[in-house]
Structure formats: structure tokens, C-alpha cells
Amino acid sequence: MHILLTGANGYIGQRLLPVLLEQGHTVFACVRNKSGWPPTITTNGSTCSRLISWR
């Protein structure tokens, strides 16, 4: 399933993203500021597909 995760670097988003990736979902993550984003998130060979930033 394709999932758009807004607030991916927030409290809930940081905990939800690895769970979604472990379940095999394709995740498009939205963050306000890329500087607070981990450079690579990998879980069981899956990675976050896209990082969308806005201000």
C-alpha cells in the first residue's frame, strides 16, 4: 500500500514510519525541515521512498 505520512519527523511519525516499513508499505514522508530528518531509515530491506519538505 502507498502511504503519505505527514509529520514524519515528529513524535508519532518517527515511531510509525519504521512500523509501516516493516509491514512492507511504500511510504512518502512529509517533513517541515529536512535538517531534523535522519539521513537513511532502513527496515528489513525497505526504505522510505520519498522525502517531501515544505515550509
PDB file of N, CA and C in Angstrom:
ATOM      1  N   MET A   1       0.846  -1.166   0.000  1.00  0.00           N
ATOM      2  CA  MET A   1       0.000   0.000   0.000  1.00  0.00           C
ATOM      3  C   MET A   1       0.901   1.241   0.000  1.00  0.00           C
ATOM      4  N   HIS A   2       0.508   2.283  -0.675  1.00  0.00           N
ATOM      5  CA  HIS A   2       1.222   3.560  -0.678  1.00  0.00           C
ATOM      6  C   HIS A   2       0.637   4.446   0.413  1.00  0.00           C
ATOM      7  N   ILE A   3       1.509   4.972   1.267  1.00  0.00           N
ATOM      8  CA  ILE A   3       1.066   5.773   2.408  1.00  0.00           C
ATOM      9  C   ILE A   3       1.797   7.108   2.418  1.00  0.00           C
ATOM     10  N   LEU A   4       1.050   8.190   2.608  1.00  0.00           N
ATOM     11  CA  LEU A   4       1.618   9.521   2.792  1.00  0.00           C
ATOM     12  C   LEU A   4       1.621   9.795   4.291  1.00  0.00           C
ATOM     13  N   LEU A   5       2.815   9.936   4.847  1.00  0.00           N
ATOM     14  CA  LEU A   5       2.965  10.178   6.278  1.00  0.00           C
ATOM     15  C   LEU A   5       3.375  11.623   6.493  1.00  0.00           C
ATOM     16  N   THR A   6       2.455  12.436   6.997  1.00  0.00           N
ATOM     17  CA  THR A   6       2.778  13.834   7.295  1.00  0.00           C
ATOM     18  C   THR A   6       3.328  13.907   8.714  1.00  0.00           C
ATOM     19  N   GLY A   7       4.218  14.856   8.938  1.00  0.00           N
ATOM     20  CA  GLY A   7       4.830  14.974  10.258  1.00  0.00           C
ATOM     21  C   GLY A   7       5.746  13.803  10.571  1.00  0.00           C
ATOM     22  N   ALA A   8       6.447  13.312   9.562  1.00  0.00           N
ATOM     23  CA  ALA A   8       7.257  12.102   9.717  1.00  0.00           C
ATOM     24  C   ALA A   8       8.404  12.259  10.703  1.00  0.00           C
ATOM     25  N   ASN A   9       8.853  13.482  10.958  1.00  0.00           N
ATOM     26  CA  ASN A   9       9.929  13.646  11.930  1.00  0.00           C
ATOM     27  C   ASN A   9       9.406  14.118  13.283  1.00  0.00           C
ATOM     28  N   GLY A  10       8.106  14.042  13.482  1.00  0.00           N
ATOM     29  CA  GLY A  10       7.502  14.358  14.779  1.00  0.00           C
ATOM     30  C   GLY A  10       7.511  13.146  15.693  1.00  0.00           C
ATOM     31  N   TYR A  11       6.966  13.298  16.866  1.00  0.00           N
ATOM     32  CA  TYR A  11       6.987  12.251  17.886  1.00  0.00           C
ATOM     33  C   TYR A  11       6.333  10.961  17.388  1.00  0.00           C
ATOM     34  N   ILE A  12       5.131  11.067  16.876  1.00  0.00           N
ATOM     35  CA  ILE A  12       4.405   9.878  16.414  1.00  0.00           C
ATOM     36  C   ILE A  12       4.965   9.377  15.089  1.00  0.00           C
ATOM     37  N   GLY A  13       5.272  10.283  14.174  1.00  0.00           N
ATOM     38  CA  GLY A  13       5.786   9.902  12.867  1.00  0.00           C
ATOM     39  C   GLY A  13       7.071   9.102  12.944  1.00  0.00           C
ATOM     40  N   GLN A  14       7.977   9.474  13.851  1.00  0.00           N
ATOM     41  CA  GLN A  14       9.238   8.757  13.994  1.00  0.00           C
ATOM     42  C   GLN A  14       9.032   7.333  14.482  1.00  0.00           C
ATOM     43  N   ARG A  15       7.965   7.091  15.200  1.00  0.00           N
ATOM     44  CA  ARG A  15       7.673   5.749  15.697  1.00  0.00           C
ATOM     45  C   ARG A  15       6.820   4.957  14.718  1.00  0.00           C
ATOM     46  N   LEU A  16       6.008   5.657  13.952  1.00  0.00           N
ATOM     47  CA  LEU A  16       5.127   4.996  12.992  1.00  0.00           C
ATOM     48  C   LEU A  16       5.852   4.567  11.717  1.00  0.00           C
ATOM     49  N   LEU A  17       6.791   5.370  11.243  1.00  0.00           N
ATOM     50  CA  LEU A  17       7.488   5.091   9.996  1.00  0.00           C
ATOM     51  C   LEU A  17       8.173   3.727   9.973  1.00  0.00           C
ATOM     52  N   PRO A  18       8.978   3.359  10.983  1.00  0.00           N
ATOM     53  CA  PRO A  18       9.602   2.030  10.941  1.00  0.00           C
ATOM     54  C   PRO A  18       8.596   0.885  10.933  1.00  0.00           C
ATOM     55  N   VAL A  19       7.480   1.062  11.621  1.00  0.00           N
ATOM     56  CA  VAL A  19       6.448   0.024  11.663  1.00  0.00           C
ATOM     57  C   VAL A  19       5.838  -0.166  10.271  1.00  0.00           C
ATOM     58  N   LEU A  20       5.537   0.943   9.602  1.00  0.00           N
ATOM     59  CA  LEU A  20       4.966   0.863   8.260  1.00  0.00           C
ATOM     60  C   LEU A  20       5.931   0.202   7.281  1.00  0.00           C
ATOM     61  N   LEU A  21       7.214   0.542   7.397  1.00  0.00           N
ATOM     62  CA  LEU A  21       8.220  -0.048   6.516  1.00  0.00           C
ATOM     63  C   LEU A  21       8.389  -1.540   6.781  1.00  0.00           C
ATOM     64  N   GLU A  22       8.356  -1.946   8.038  1.00  0.00           N
ATOM     65  CA  GLU A  22       8.464  -3.359   8.380  1.00  0.00           C
ATOM     66  C   GLU A  22       7.319  -4.160   7.795  1.00  0.00           C
ATOM     67  N   GLN A  23       6.157  -3.527   7.682  1.00  0.00           N
ATOM     68  CA  GLN A  23       4.988  -4.205   7.129  1.00  0.00           C
ATOM     69  C   GLN A  23       4.979  -4.200   5.606  1.00  0.00           C
ATOM     70  N   GLY A  24       6.009  -3.592   4.997  1.00  0.00           N
ATOM     71  CA  GLY A  24       6.150  -3.640   3.544  1.00  0.00           C
ATOM     72  C   GLY A  24       5.444  -2.539   2.776  1.00  0.00           C
ATOM     73  N   HIS A  25       4.987  -1.505   3.449  1.00  0.00           N
ATOM     74  CA  HIS A  25       4.316  -0.397   2.781  1.00  0.00           C
ATOM     75  C   HIS A  25       5.323   0.521   2.091  1.00  0.00           C
ATOM     76  N   THR A  26       4.887   1.195   1.034  1.00  0.00           N
ATOM     77  CA  THR A  26       5.664   2.252   0.395  1.00  0.00           C
ATOM     78  C   THR A  26       5.260   3.550   1.063  1.00  0.00           C
ATOM     79  N   VAL A  27       6.231   4.252   1.661  1.00  0.00           N
ATOM     80  CA  VAL A  27       5.925   5.437   2.458  1.00  0.00           C
ATOM     81  C   VAL A  27       6.510   6.678   1.806  1.00  0.00           C
ATOM     82  N   PHE A  28       5.685   7.694   1.671  1.00  0.00           N
ATOM     83  CA  PHE A  28       6.097   9.027   1.244  1.00  0.00           C
ATOM     84  C   PHE A  28       6.029   9.892   2.492  1.00  0.00           C
ATOM     85  N   ALA A  29       7.174  10.376   2.958  1.00  0.00           N
ATOM     86  CA  ALA A  29       7.245  11.093   4.228  1.00  0.00           C
ATOM     87  C   ALA A  29       7.297  12.597   4.000  1.00  0.00           C
ATOM     88  N   CYS A  30       6.478  13.334   4.717  1.00  0.00           N
ATOM     89  CA  CYS A  30       6.475  14.796   4.662  1.00  0.00           C
ATOM     90  C   CYS A  30       7.054  15.339   5.963  1.00  0.00           C
ATOM     91  N   VAL A  31       7.995  16.261   5.813  1.00  0.00           N
ATOM     92  CA  VAL A  31       8.604  16.926   6.969  1.00  0.00           C
ATOM     93  C   VAL A  31       8.678  18.414   6.695  1.00  0.00           C
ATOM     94  N   ARG A  32       8.710  19.223   7.752  1.00  0.00           N
ATOM     95  CA  ARG A  32       8.844  20.667   7.577  1.00  0.00           C
ATOM     96  C   ARG A  32      10.272  21.060   7.272  1.00  0.00           C
ATOM     97  N   ASN A  33      11.206  20.368   7.905  1.00  0.00           N
ATOM     98  CA  ASN A  33      12.604  20.748   7.779  1.00  0.00           C
ATOM     99  C   ASN A  33      13.455  19.485   7.636  1.00  0.00           C
ATOM    100  N   LYS A  34      14.163  19.364   6.527  1.00  0.00           N
ATOM    101  CA  LYS A  34      14.970  18.176   6.278  1.00  0.00           C
ATOM    102  C   LYS A  34      16.132  18.036   7.255  1.00  0.00           C
ATOM    103  N   SER A  35      16.541  19.128   7.902  1.00  0.00           N
ATOM    104  CA  SER A  35      17.695  19.056   8.799  1.00  0.00           C
ATOM    105  C   SER A  35      17.420  18.165  10.012  1.00  0.00           C
ATOM    106  N   GLY A  36      16.172  18.012  10.404  1.00  0.00           N
ATOM    107  CA  GLY A  36      15.834  17.154  11.530  1.00  0.00           C
ATOM    108  C   GLY A  36      15.540  15.726  11.117  1.00  0.00           C
ATOM    109  N   TRP A  37      15.795  15.404   9.868  1.00  0.00           N
ATOM    110  CA  TRP A  37      15.463  14.086   9.322  1.00  0.00           C
ATOM    111  C   TRP A  37      16.680  13.180   9.336  1.00  0.00           C
ATOM    112  N   PRO A  38      16.539  11.943   9.810  1.00  0.00           N
ATOM    113  CA  PRO A  38      17.659  11.001   9.717  1.00  0.00           C
ATOM    114  C   PRO A  38      18.026  10.762   8.254  1.00  0.00           C
ATOM    115  N   PRO A  39      19.311  10.663   7.917  1.00  0.00           N
ATOM    116  CA  PRO A  39      19.728  10.525   6.522  1.00  0.00           C
ATOM    117  C   PRO A  39      19.183   9.267   5.843  1.00  0.00           C
ATOM    118  N   THR A  40      19.118   8.156   6.558  1.00  0.00           N
ATOM    119  CA  THR A  40      18.607   6.920   5.957  1.00  0.00           C
ATOM    120  C   THR A  40      17.833   6.132   6.998  1.00  0.00           C
ATOM    121  N   ILE A  41      16.636   5.739   6.639  1.00  0.00           N
ATOM    122  CA  ILE A  41      15.858   4.853   7.502  1.00  0.00           C
ATOM    123  C   ILE A  41      15.639   3.577   6.713  1.00  0.00           C
ATOM    124  N   THR A  42      16.159   2.476   7.210  1.00  0.00           N
ATOM    125  CA  THR A  42      16.013   1.191   6.533  1.00  0.00           C
ATOM    126  C   THR A  42      15.508   0.163   7.536  1.00  0.00           C
ATOM    127  N   THR A  43      14.500  -0.595   7.138  1.00  0.00           N
ATOM    128  CA  THR A  43      13.966  -1.643   7.986  1.00  0.00           C
ATOM    129  C   THR A  43      13.682  -2.856   7.119  1.00  0.00           C
ATOM    130  N   ASN A  44      14.323  -3.946   7.417  1.00  0.00           N
ATOM    131  CA  ASN A  44      14.137  -5.192   6.669  1.00  0.00           C
ATOM    132  C   ASN A  44      14.275  -4.995   5.166  1.00  0.00           C
ATOM    133  N   GLY A  45      15.242  -4.204   4.740  1.00  0.00           N
ATOM    134  CA  GLY A  45      15.480  -4.001   3.316  1.00  0.00           C
ATOM    135  C   GLY A  45      14.587  -2.956   2.676  1.00  0.00           C
ATOM    136  N   SER A  46      13.607  -2.409   3.405  1.00  0.00           N
ATOM    137  CA  SER A  46      12.730  -1.374   2.864  1.00  0.00           C
ATOM    138  C   SER A  46      13.253  -0.012   3.282  1.00  0.00           C
ATOM    139  N   THR A  47      13.056   0.953   2.424  1.00  0.00           N
ATOM    140  CA  THR A  47      13.455   2.316   2.769  1.00  0.00           C
ATOM    141  C   THR A  47      12.290   3.256   2.499  1.00  0.00           C
ATOM    142  N   CYS A  48      12.367   4.424   3.076  1.00  0.00           N
ATOM    143  CA  CYS A  48      11.371   5.453   2.823  1.00  0.00           C
ATOM    144  C   CYS A  48      11.532   5.911   1.386  1.00  0.00           C
ATOM    145  N   SER A  49      10.483   5.861   0.601  1.00  0.00           N
ATOM    146  CA  SER A  49      10.557   6.118  -0.832  1.00  0.00           C
ATOM    147  C   SER A  49      10.844   7.562  -1.181  1.00  0.00           C
ATOM    148  N   ARG A  50      10.159   8.469  -0.569  1.00  0.00           N
ATOM    149  CA  ARG A  50      10.316   9.887  -0.906  1.00  0.00           C
ATOM    150  C   ARG A  50      10.282  10.710   0.364  1.00  0.00           C
ATOM    151  N   LEU A  51      11.046  11.772   0.336  1.00  0.00           N
ATOM    152  CA  LEU A  51      11.016  12.739   1.422  1.00  0.00           C
ATOM    153  C   LEU A  51      10.525  14.043   0.824  1.00  0.00           C
ATOM    154  N   ILE A  52       9.408  14.529   1.317  1.00  0.00           N
ATOM    155  CA  ILE A  52       8.794  15.754   0.813  1.00  0.00           C
ATOM    156  C   ILE A  52       8.955  16.819   1.891  1.00  0.00           C
ATOM    157  N   SER A  53       9.538  17.952   1.546  1.00  0.00           N
ATOM    158  CA  SER A  53       9.769  19.004   2.521  1.00  0.00           C
ATOM    159  C   SER A  53       8.961  20.250   2.147  1.00  0.00           C
ATOM    160  N   TRP A  54       8.419  20.914   3.135  1.00  0.00           N
ATOM    161  CA  TRP A  54       7.722  22.170   2.904  1.00  0.00           C
ATOM    162  C   TRP A  54       8.011  23.109   4.061  1.00  0.00           C
ATOM    163  N   ARG A  55       7.768  24.384   3.840  1.00  0.00           N
ATOM    164  CA  ARG A  55       7.959  25.381   4.902  1.00  0.00           C
ATOM    165  C   ARG A  55       6.710  26.178   5.100  1.00  0.00           C
TER     166      ARG A  55
END
